């Protein structure tokens, strides 16, 4: 099955089941975005979704499908497959070598859908090439991207997609809420923290902060956050003439939930609002569940905290996120919120404007295909799919939007 030239696809074309095995890549946000996309592809192509066991996904999520498992069997030869763009059985390489046809399809194929993929890999999204893939019972798929928008290119999927998603900017919201169920451990972190720190507030603001510059310009980023949140009326200005007073109702007017690897933002904002109330009499409390300092991808305890904070952010009333951040993308889409986005990345100065309203709640597909399935040249997905636009935070990327707005 896994040897070049092995042609078990034709005999299996009439088999009862075909499979797509999702292979992990990069951090939890990237993994959730790509897994949701793979799940959508499985639904559209009639494949069974299986999840590679080499990640902690089984530890932080419950099984989503009653009476079955989504985990690849432990003894599967696909479990530790060293797939990459150079893998001989990748779809792109099989096309380059003219080793693939509907008459004699291989039994296994690898779909490489990550950053840096070439025009042959991109043909995965084309209708004619999906007909080639249809007769291959086993597919491994590896991506760190939210590639769901590119599935709308294929006209064969169009009718199903229209029925599933009449509101195009709710794709991940629907997929994510169906597919991702936090484990009991993670759900305990979510519910306990919400009850203890956020439930008594009349309004909740989530702020997700990703620091990309290795020099960590905390002062600049804090100035950006305060400028954004105050100018957009998300937080009040600090009234230095009035000391902090606990409201008679027993809870703050507004609770701010910070999600960041670093605690510097929490320390500064908490100090500001704990000593003085906001103008207009608003009392603001500031909270941060964790501050790991460094990303620890694949560590169960770290990913449990990360997932809990994504869900906590999704439960706020308003959300501010960082440009380019897949962590923020997941939180906004799970919560069904169109966020304010901090312009960035911040390196030497505070951007102007400091933030802007995003186009939709949908995540950004950073590296969409540029191959023209019909003409064979270069194209732009936005020209092919009417309900896509280029992302504001990553201009090369695309995202689904509601064109009725």
Protein backbone atom coordinates (compact mmCIF):
# COMPACT_ATOMS: atom_id res chain seq x y z
CA UNK A 1 0.00 0.00 0.00
CA UNK A 2 2.78 2.46 0.91
CA UNK A 3 5.23 1.49 -1.81
CA UNK A 4 5.57 3.62 -4.97
CA UNK A 5 3.81 1.85 -7.80
CA UNK A 6 1.45 -0.04 -5.50
CA UNK A 7 -1.95 0.01 -7.25
CA UNK A 8 -4.55 -1.19 -4.80
CA UNK A 9 -6.87 1.72 -5.41
CA UNK A 10 -8.67 0.30 -8.42
CA UNK A 11 -9.62 -2.89 -6.60
CA UNK A 12 -10.73 -0.85 -3.60
CA UNK A 13 -12.74 1.67 -5.62
CA UNK A 14 -15.92 -0.16 -4.77
CA UNK A 15 -14.91 -0.71 -1.16
CA UNK A 16 -17.29 0.36 1.56
CA UNK A 17 -15.02 2.90 3.27
CA UNK A 18 -12.40 5.41 2.26
CA UNK A 19 -10.32 7.31 4.80
CA UNK A 20 -8.47 10.57 5.35
CA UNK A 21 -5.85 10.47 8.10
CA UNK A 22 -5.17 13.90 9.57
CA UNK A 23 -1.50 14.48 10.45
CA UNK A 24 -0.60 17.24 12.96
CA UNK A 25 1.61 20.25 12.36
CA UNK A 26 2.58 23.21 14.61
CA UNK A 27 0.69 24.65 17.59
CA UNK A 28 -2.77 23.91 18.94
CA UNK A 29 -4.48 26.75 17.07
CA UNK A 30 -3.03 25.60 13.74
CA UNK A 31 -3.98 22.01 14.52
CA UNK A 32 -7.59 22.86 15.34
CA UNK A 33 -7.97 24.95 12.18
CA UNK A 34 -6.50 22.27 9.92
CA UNK A 35 -8.42 19.45 11.62
CA UNK A 36 -11.73 21.27 11.19
CA UNK A 37 -10.85 21.78 7.51
CA UNK A 38 -9.96 18.10 7.15
CA UNK A 39 -13.27 17.16 8.78
CA UNK A 40 -15.15 19.30 6.27
CA UNK A 41 -13.21 17.70 3.43
CA UNK A 42 -14.07 14.25 4.80
CA UNK A 43 -17.77 15.14 4.81
CA UNK A 44 -17.65 16.48 1.26
CA UNK A 45 -15.63 13.59 -0.18
CA UNK A 46 -17.35 10.78 1.71
CA UNK A 47 -14.26 9.79 3.69
CA UNK A 48 -13.90 8.69 7.30
CA UNK A 49 -11.76 11.11 9.34
CA UNK A 50 -9.03 9.51 11.44
CA UNK A 51 -6.65 11.40 13.72
CA UNK A 52 -2.98 10.52 14.06
CA UNK A 53 -2.17 9.53 17.65
CA UNK A 54 1.21 11.27 17.67
CA UNK A 55 -0.30 14.40 19.27
CA UNK A 56 -2.04 15.10 22.57
CA UNK A 57 -5.37 15.69 20.79
CA UNK A 58 -6.83 12.55 22.34
CA UNK A 59 -5.95 13.85 25.80
CA UNK A 60 -7.52 17.29 25.52
CA UNK A 61 -10.62 16.48 23.47
CA UNK A 62 -13.44 13.98 23.93
CA UNK A 63 -14.35 11.64 21.10
CA UNK A 64 -16.85 13.52 18.86
CA UNK A 65 -18.48 10.54 17.12
CA UNK A 66 -20.73 8.35 19.32
CA UNK A 67 -20.09 4.62 19.12
CA UNK A 68 -16.77 4.94 17.29
CA UNK A 69 -13.31 6.42 17.57
CA UNK A 70 -11.54 9.01 15.46
CA UNK A 71 -8.10 7.75 16.51
CA UNK A 72 -5.91 5.92 14.01
CA UNK A 73 -5.29 2.33 15.23
CA UNK A 74 -2.02 1.99 17.13
CA UNK A 75 -0.70 -0.67 14.76
CA UNK A 76 -1.48 1.29 11.57
CA UNK A 77 1.48 1.67 9.18
CA UNK A 78 0.29 5.25 8.61
CA UNK A 79 0.89 6.24 12.21
CA UNK A 80 4.57 7.25 12.00
CA UNK A 81 4.73 7.92 8.29
CA UNK A 82 7.53 10.48 7.57
CA UNK A 83 5.43 12.59 5.20
CA UNK A 84 6.72 15.83 3.69
CA UNK A 85 6.52 17.71 0.41
CA UNK A 86 9.23 15.41 -0.98
CA UNK A 87 7.39 12.22 -0.05
CA UNK A 88 7.21 10.02 -3.21
CA UNK A 89 3.51 9.25 -2.75
CA UNK A 90 2.42 12.85 -2.31
CA UNK A 91 -0.33 13.87 -4.71
CA UNK A 92 1.85 16.61 -6.15
CA UNK A 93 4.79 14.29 -6.81
CA UNK A 94 2.56 11.62 -8.37
CA UNK A 95 1.17 14.27 -10.73
CA UNK A 96 4.65 15.52 -11.63
CA UNK A 97 5.79 11.99 -12.44
CA UNK A 98 2.59 11.09 -14.34
CA UNK A 99 2.10 8.12 -12.02
CA UNK A 100 -1.57 8.63 -11.33
CA UNK A 101 -4.73 8.01 -13.35
CA UNK A 102 -8.37 7.07 -12.84
CA UNK A 103 -7.74 3.73 -14.57
CA UNK A 104 -4.91 2.71 -12.26
CA UNK A 105 -5.05 4.70 -9.00
CA UNK A 106 -2.71 3.94 -6.09
CA UNK A 107 -4.15 2.62 -2.85
CA UNK A 108 -2.60 5.43 -0.83
CA UNK A 109 -1.85 9.11 -1.40
CA UNK A 110 -0.49 11.93 0.73
CA UNK A 111 -1.96 15.46 0.45
CA UNK A 112 0.58 18.14 1.37
CA UNK A 113 -1.38 21.33 2.11
CA UNK A 114 1.08 23.37 4.18
CA UNK A 115 2.92 26.63 3.63
CA UNK A 116 5.33 26.35 0.70
CA UNK A 117 3.24 23.86 -1.27
CA UNK A 118 3.61 24.09 -5.04
CA UNK A 119 1.13 24.22 -7.94
CA UNK A 120 1.01 20.43 -8.18
CA UNK A 121 0.08 20.14 -4.50
CA UNK A 122 -2.51 22.90 -5.02
CA UNK A 123 -4.33 20.82 -7.60
CA UNK A 124 -5.83 18.97 -4.63
CA UNK A 125 -8.53 21.68 -4.66
CA UNK A 126 -9.46 21.21 -8.35
CA UNK A 127 -12.61 19.35 -9.34
CA UNK A 128 -10.95 17.15 -11.98
CA UNK A 129 -8.14 16.19 -9.63
CA UNK A 130 -10.59 15.30 -6.88
CA UNK A 131 -12.01 12.74 -9.32
CA UNK A 132 -8.54 11.15 -9.37
CA UNK A 133 -8.39 11.10 -5.57
CA UNK A 134 -11.87 9.64 -5.25
CA UNK A 135 -10.67 6.14 -6.12
CA UNK A 136 -7.84 6.06 -3.56
CA UNK A 137 -9.07 4.43 -0.35
CA UNK A 138 -6.36 5.81 1.95
CA UNK A 139 -5.24 9.42 2.16
CA UNK A 140 -2.94 11.10 4.68
CA UNK A 141 -3.36 14.86 4.92
CA UNK A 142 -1.00 17.27 6.63
CA UNK A 143 -1.60 20.98 7.01
CA UNK A 144 -1.20 23.82 9.49
CA UNK A 145 -3.73 25.97 7.63
CA UNK A 146 -7.45 26.73 7.76
CA UNK A 147 -7.97 25.54 4.19
CA UNK A 148 -11.78 25.29 4.33
CA UNK A 149 -12.27 28.38 2.10
CA UNK A 150 -10.42 26.65 -0.76
CA UNK A 151 -12.91 23.77 -0.74
CA UNK A 152 -15.47 26.24 -2.12
CA UNK A 153 -13.45 26.38 -5.37
CA UNK A 154 -14.66 22.90 -6.30
CA UNK A 155 -18.06 23.21 -7.99
CA UNK A 156 -18.79 19.56 -7.19
CA UNK A 157 -18.84 20.50 -3.50
CA UNK A 158 -20.86 23.67 -4.00
CA UNK A 159 -24.35 22.29 -3.46
CA UNK A 160 -23.39 20.48 -0.26
CA UNK A 161 -21.57 23.53 1.08
CA UNK A 162 -24.52 25.83 0.37
CA UNK A 163 -26.86 23.50 2.25
CA UNK A 164 -24.47 23.10 5.18
CA UNK A 165 -23.51 26.76 5.48
CA UNK A 166 -26.16 29.26 4.34
CA UNK A 167 -24.14 31.78 6.39
CA UNK A 168 -20.66 31.48 4.95
CA UNK A 169 -18.89 33.21 7.82
CA UNK A 170 -20.14 30.58 10.28
CA UNK A 171 -18.20 27.64 8.79
CA UNK A 172 -15.66 27.16 11.57
CA UNK A 173 -18.21 28.12 14.23
CA UNK A 174 -20.40 25.20 13.18
CA UNK A 175 -17.59 22.72 12.49
CA UNK A 176 -15.70 23.59 15.67
CA UNK A 177 -18.71 23.32 17.94
CA UNK A 178 -19.53 19.92 16.50
CA UNK A 179 -16.01 18.51 16.39
CA UNK A 180 -14.20 19.92 19.42
CA UNK A 181 -15.42 18.85 22.85
CA UNK A 182 -12.95 19.70 25.64
CA UNK A 183 -12.03 16.84 27.94
CA UNK A 184 -13.43 16.77 31.49
CA UNK A 185 -10.12 18.13 32.76
CA UNK A 186 -10.18 21.07 30.34
CA UNK A 187 -13.88 21.72 30.85
CA UNK A 188 -13.23 21.90 34.58
CA UNK A 189 -10.58 24.57 34.00
CA UNK A 190 -13.04 26.56 31.86
CA UNK A 191 -16.08 26.41 34.13
CA UNK A 192 -14.21 26.96 37.40
CA UNK A 193 -12.31 29.97 36.09
CA UNK A 194 -15.39 31.52 34.55
CA UNK A 195 -17.38 31.09 37.75
CA UNK A 196 -14.63 32.44 40.01
CA UNK A 197 -13.47 35.42 37.93
CA UNK A 198 -15.88 36.37 35.15
CA UNK A 199 -19.45 35.41 36.01
CA UNK A 200 -20.23 38.34 38.33
CA UNK A 201 -19.22 41.05 35.84
CA UNK A 202 -21.90 42.84 33.84
CA UNK A 203 -19.66 42.90 30.75
CA UNK A 204 -16.68 40.77 29.73
CA UNK A 205 -13.86 41.79 27.38
CA UNK A 206 -11.35 39.26 26.05
CA UNK A 207 -7.89 40.39 24.92
CA UNK A 208 -5.61 37.87 23.20
CA UNK A 209 -2.00 39.01 22.89
CA UNK A 210 0.64 37.32 20.75
CA UNK A 211 4.17 38.80 20.83
CA UNK A 212 6.01 38.01 17.59
CA UNK A 213 9.13 40.16 18.04
CA UNK A 214 11.87 38.30 19.94
CA UNK A 215 12.84 41.61 21.59
CA UNK A 216 9.42 41.64 23.28
CA UNK A 217 8.44 45.35 23.07
CA UNK A 218 5.95 45.10 25.94
CA UNK A 219 5.66 48.87 26.49
CA UNK A 220 4.74 49.51 22.86
CA UNK A 221 2.20 46.68 22.79
CA UNK A 222 0.60 47.84 26.05
CA UNK A 223 0.26 51.37 24.65
CA UNK A 224 -1.34 49.87 21.56
CA UNK A 225 -3.80 47.80 23.60
CA UNK A 226 -4.84 50.74 25.78
CA UNK A 227 -5.19 53.07 22.79
CA UNK A 228 -7.34 50.51 20.97
CA UNK A 229 -9.58 49.51 23.86
CA UNK A 230 -10.17 53.07 25.09
CA UNK A 231 -10.68 54.65 21.65
CA UNK A 232 -13.14 51.92 20.64
CA UNK A 233 -15.04 52.32 23.94
CA UNK A 234 -14.18 48.79 25.02
CA UNK A 235 -12.53 50.02 28.23
CA UNK A 236 -12.86 53.31 30.09
CA UNK A 237 -10.02 55.72 30.61
CA UNK A 238 -8.54 55.54 34.10
CA UNK A 239 -9.84 58.31 36.36
CA UNK A 240 -6.78 59.18 38.45
CA UNK A 241 -8.91 61.34 40.76
CA UNK A 242 -11.04 58.42 41.92
CA UNK A 243 -9.80 55.41 43.80
CA UNK A 244 -11.09 51.93 43.06
CA UNK A 245 -14.45 51.21 44.67
CA UNK A 246 -16.20 47.83 44.79
CA UNK A 247 -19.70 48.32 43.33
CA UNK A 248 -22.70 47.73 45.57
CA UNK A 249 -23.76 44.76 43.46
CA UNK A 250 -20.62 42.94 44.63
CA UNK A 251 -19.05 42.51 41.21
CA UNK A 252 -17.09 44.70 38.80
CA UNK A 253 -18.76 46.59 35.97
CA UNK A 254 -16.38 45.01 33.50
CA UNK A 255 -14.05 41.99 33.65
CA UNK A 256 -11.05 41.82 31.32
CA UNK A 257 -9.69 38.39 30.42
CA UNK A 258 -6.11 38.48 29.15
CA UNK A 259 -4.69 35.52 27.23
CA UNK A 260 -0.93 35.80 26.74
CA UNK A 261 2.23 33.82 27.32
CA UNK A 262 3.56 36.83 29.25
CA UNK A 263 2.34 38.38 32.52
CA UNK A 264 3.69 41.91 31.98
CA UNK A 265 0.44 43.11 30.39
CA UNK A 266 -1.61 41.71 33.27
CA UNK A 267 0.60 43.31 35.92
CA UNK A 268 0.41 46.76 34.34
CA UNK A 269 -3.31 46.73 33.52
CA UNK A 270 -4.28 45.24 36.86
CA UNK A 271 -2.27 47.90 38.67
CA UNK A 272 -3.98 50.66 36.67
CA UNK A 273 -7.53 49.50 37.25
CA UNK A 274 -7.10 48.16 40.80
CA UNK A 275 -5.97 51.56 42.09
CA UNK A 276 -8.46 53.72 40.19
CA UNK A 277 -11.89 53.26 38.69
CA UNK A 278 -12.65 54.16 35.11
CA UNK A 279 -14.18 57.42 34.02
CA UNK A 280 -17.94 57.24 34.24
CA UNK A 281 -17.70 55.17 37.40
CA UNK A 282 -16.84 51.87 35.76
CA UNK A 283 -14.97 49.40 37.93
CA UNK A 284 -12.69 47.13 35.90
CA UNK A 285 -11.15 43.85 37.06
CA UNK A 286 -8.29 42.23 35.13
CA UNK A 287 -7.63 38.48 35.01
CA UNK A 288 -5.10 36.16 33.39
CA UNK A 289 -5.47 32.38 33.79
CA UNK A 290 -1.84 31.51 32.96
CA UNK A 291 1.48 32.91 31.74
CA UNK A 292 3.66 30.12 30.37
CA UNK A 293 6.30 32.52 28.93
CA UNK A 294 7.15 30.11 26.08
CA UNK A 295 4.96 28.07 23.75
CA UNK A 296 5.23 24.35 24.56
CA UNK A 297 3.54 22.69 21.62
CA UNK A 298 2.56 19.08 22.26
CA UNK A 299 2.83 19.28 26.05
CA UNK A 300 -0.49 18.09 27.46
CA UNK A 301 -0.65 20.47 30.45
CA UNK A 302 0.28 23.46 28.26
CA UNK A 303 -2.25 22.59 25.57
CA UNK A 304 -4.96 22.02 28.19
CA UNK A 305 -4.45 25.58 29.44
CA UNK A 306 -4.33 26.92 25.89
CA UNK A 307 -7.60 25.22 24.95
CA UNK A 308 -9.27 26.41 28.15
CA UNK A 309 -8.25 29.99 27.37
CA UNK A 310 -9.53 29.77 23.79
CA UNK A 311 -12.93 28.75 25.15
CA UNK A 312 -12.87 31.39 27.89
CA UNK A 313 -12.16 34.07 25.28
CA UNK A 314 -15.06 32.72 23.21
CA UNK A 315 -17.38 33.31 26.18
CA UNK A 316 -16.67 37.04 26.43
CA UNK A 317 -18.94 39.78 25.09
CA UNK A 318 -16.28 41.61 23.05
CA UNK A 319 -12.94 40.36 21.78
CA UNK A 320 -9.61 41.91 20.82
CA UNK A 321 -7.12 39.63 19.06
CA UNK A 322 -3.61 39.80 17.63
CA UNK A 323 -2.85 39.87 13.91
CA UNK A 324 -1.83 36.55 12.34
CA UNK A 325 -2.65 34.55 15.47
CA UNK A 326 -4.37 31.20 14.97
CA UNK A 327 -5.08 31.12 18.73
CA UNK A 328 -7.21 34.23 18.30
CA UNK A 329 -8.83 32.87 15.14
CA UNK A 330 -10.10 29.81 17.02
CA UNK A 331 -11.44 31.87 19.94
CA UNK A 332 -13.33 34.36 17.75
CA UNK A 333 -14.86 31.66 15.54
CA UNK A 334 -15.93 29.44 18.44
CA UNK A 335 -17.60 32.46 20.03
CA UNK A 336 -19.16 33.65 16.78
CA UNK A 337 -17.59 37.09 17.25
CA UNK A 338 -16.08 39.48 14.74
CA UNK A 339 -13.13 40.83 16.75
CA UNK A 340 -11.17 44.03 16.93
CA UNK A 341 -7.69 43.16 15.64
CA UNK A 342 -4.49 44.69 17.00
CA UNK A 343 -2.48 45.89 14.00
CA UNK A 344 0.92 44.34 13.82
CA UNK A 345 3.25 42.86 14.43
CA UNK A 346 4.61 45.59 16.71
CA UNK A 347 8.37 45.98 16.31
CA UNK A 348 9.73 49.53 16.64
CA UNK A 349 6.62 51.69 17.05
CA UNK A 350 2.93 51.61 17.84
CA UNK A 351 0.93 51.05 14.62
CA UNK A 352 -1.56 53.67 13.50
CA UNK A 353 -4.41 52.92 13.62
CA UNK A 354 -3.78 50.67 16.58
CA UNK A 355 -6.64 48.29 15.75
CA UNK A 356 -9.49 47.73 13.32
CA UNK A 357 -12.68 45.70 13.06
CA UNK A 358 -12.20 42.44 11.19
CA UNK A 359 -14.25 41.45 8.14
CA UNK A 360 -15.90 38.42 9.74
CA UNK A 361 -15.64 35.88 12.52
CA UNK A 362 -13.99 33.35 10.18
CA UNK A 363 -10.28 32.44 10.52
CA UNK A 364 -7.86 33.59 7.83
CA UNK A 365 -6.44 31.04 5.37
CA UNK A 366 -2.90 32.43 5.23
CA UNK A 367 -1.64 30.60 2.15
CA UNK A 368 -4.49 29.88 -0.27
CA UNK A 369 -3.85 28.12 -3.60
CA UNK A 370 -2.90 30.34 -6.52
CA UNK A 371 -3.34 27.68 -9.23
CA UNK A 372 -6.10 28.23 -11.80
CA UNK A 373 -7.81 24.84 -12.12
CA UNK A 374 -9.43 25.71 -15.45
CA UNK A 375 -6.76 27.80 -17.15
CA UNK A 376 -3.65 26.26 -15.62
CA UNK A 377 -2.07 29.60 -14.75
CA UNK A 378 -2.08 31.88 -11.73
CA UNK A 379 -5.28 33.14 -10.10
CA UNK A 380 -6.71 34.67 -6.95
CA UNK A 381 -9.22 32.72 -4.84
CA UNK A 382 -11.18 35.94 -4.26
CA UNK A 383 -11.93 36.02 -8.00
CA UNK A 384 -13.22 32.44 -7.91
CA UNK A 385 -15.28 32.43 -4.70
CA UNK A 386 -17.60 35.46 -4.37
CA UNK A 387 -17.92 35.23 -0.58
CA UNK A 388 -14.20 35.49 0.12
CA UNK A 389 -12.09 38.58 0.78
CA UNK A 390 -8.41 39.14 1.45
CA UNK A 391 -7.67 39.16 5.17
CA UNK A 392 -6.99 42.52 6.77
CA UNK A 393 -4.26 41.15 9.02
CA UNK A 394 -2.54 39.01 6.36
CA UNK A 395 -3.15 40.45 2.91
CA UNK A 396 -2.07 37.35 1.04
CA UNK A 397 -4.63 35.29 2.92
CA UNK A 398 -8.37 34.92 2.32
CA UNK A 399 -11.38 34.47 4.55
CA UNK A 400 -15.05 33.69 4.15
CA UNK A 401 -17.44 36.61 4.62
CA UNK A 402 -21.18 37.20 4.49
CA UNK A 403 -21.60 39.19 1.27
CA UNK A 404 -25.15 40.13 2.29
CA UNK A 405 -23.81 42.54 4.91
